[in-house]
Amino acid sequence: MENEKKWYIVNTRTSCENVAKTAIEERINTKNMQEHFGDILVPSENVIQLIKGKKQTRARKFFPGYIFVN
């Protein structure tokens, strides 16, 4: 029961979620704290958009500016 991890929400600048996720992961690795952390998520889905008659796949974020850390 004590080893159960909790979820935390980290507020970042919009469109900088992946940069913040990478920075958190690097910090965890340099401090050797992998056993204290679980998943780090940027909730998103792939969406197909028509732009100038061409289909393009883009990642749309569910919660812009937020990262979920376990």
Protein backbone atom coordinates (compact mmCIF):
# COMPACT_ATOMS: atom_id res chain seq x y z
CA MET A 1 0.00 0.00 0.00
CA GLU A 2 2.88 2.39 0.74
CA ASN A 3 4.44 1.81 -2.71
CA GLU A 4 1.28 2.96 -4.47
CA LYS A 5 2.02 6.02 -6.59
CA LYS A 6 -0.24 9.06 -6.83
CA TRP A 7 -1.12 11.10 -9.91
CA TYR A 8 -0.06 14.74 -10.10
CA ILE A 9 -0.97 17.41 -12.65
CA VAL A 10 1.83 19.71 -13.83
CA ASN A 11 0.90 23.02 -15.44
CA THR A 12 3.21 24.07 -18.30
CA ARG A 13 3.14 26.58 -21.11
CA THR A 14 0.77 25.62 -23.89
CA SER A 15 2.59 23.86 -26.76
CA CYS A 16 5.62 23.17 -24.51
CA GLU A 17 4.23 19.98 -22.95
CA ASN A 18 6.64 17.62 -24.71
CA VAL A 19 9.65 19.78 -23.81
CA ALA A 20 8.59 19.76 -20.15
CA LYS A 21 7.99 15.99 -20.27
CA THR A 22 11.49 15.41 -21.64
CA ALA A 23 13.00 17.69 -18.98
CA ILE A 24 11.20 15.82 -16.19
CA GLU A 25 12.32 12.44 -17.57
CA GLU A 26 15.95 13.62 -17.83
CA ARG A 27 15.85 14.94 -14.26
CA ILE A 28 14.45 11.63 -12.99
CA ASN A 29 17.22 9.71 -14.76
CA THR A 30 20.05 11.96 -13.54
CA LYS A 31 18.85 11.71 -9.93
CA ASN A 32 18.33 7.91 -10.21
CA MET A 33 14.73 8.18 -8.98
CA GLN A 34 13.08 5.86 -11.53
CA GLU A 35 11.53 3.70 -8.79
CA HIS A 36 9.60 6.71 -7.43
CA PHE A 37 7.94 7.65 -10.73
CA GLY A 38 5.59 5.87 -13.10
CA ASP A 39 4.11 7.18 -16.33
CA ILE A 40 4.42 10.74 -17.57
CA LEU A 41 1.57 11.48 -19.95
CA VAL A 42 0.63 14.24 -22.37
CA PRO A 43 -2.95 13.23 -23.22
CA SER A 44 -3.51 13.60 -26.97
CA GLU A 45 -5.13 11.94 -29.97
CA ASN A 46 -4.29 11.87 -33.67
CA VAL A 47 -6.76 13.81 -35.83
CA ILE A 48 -6.93 13.88 -39.64
CA GLN A 49 -7.48 17.38 -41.01
CA LEU A 50 -8.07 18.61 -44.55
CA ILE A 51 -5.75 21.50 -45.31
CA LYS A 52 -5.79 22.88 -48.87
CA GLY A 53 -7.36 19.65 -50.08
CA LYS A 54 -4.71 17.41 -48.52
CA LYS A 55 -5.14 15.12 -45.54
CA GLN A 56 -2.75 15.76 -42.67
CA THR A 57 -2.49 13.92 -39.38
CA ARG A 58 -1.94 16.05 -36.30
CA ALA A 59 -1.85 15.39 -32.59
CA ARG A 60 -4.60 17.23 -30.73
CA LYS A 61 -4.12 17.64 -26.99
CA PHE A 62 -7.04 16.98 -24.65
CA PHE A 63 -5.70 19.34 -21.96
CA PRO A 64 -3.35 21.93 -23.49
CA GLY A 65 -0.75 23.11 -20.99
CA TYR A 66 -0.97 20.11 -18.65
CA ILE A 67 1.09 16.96 -18.03
CA PHE A 68 0.04 14.03 -15.84
CA VAL A 69 2.78 12.48 -13.71
CA ASN A 70 2.44 9.22 -11.79
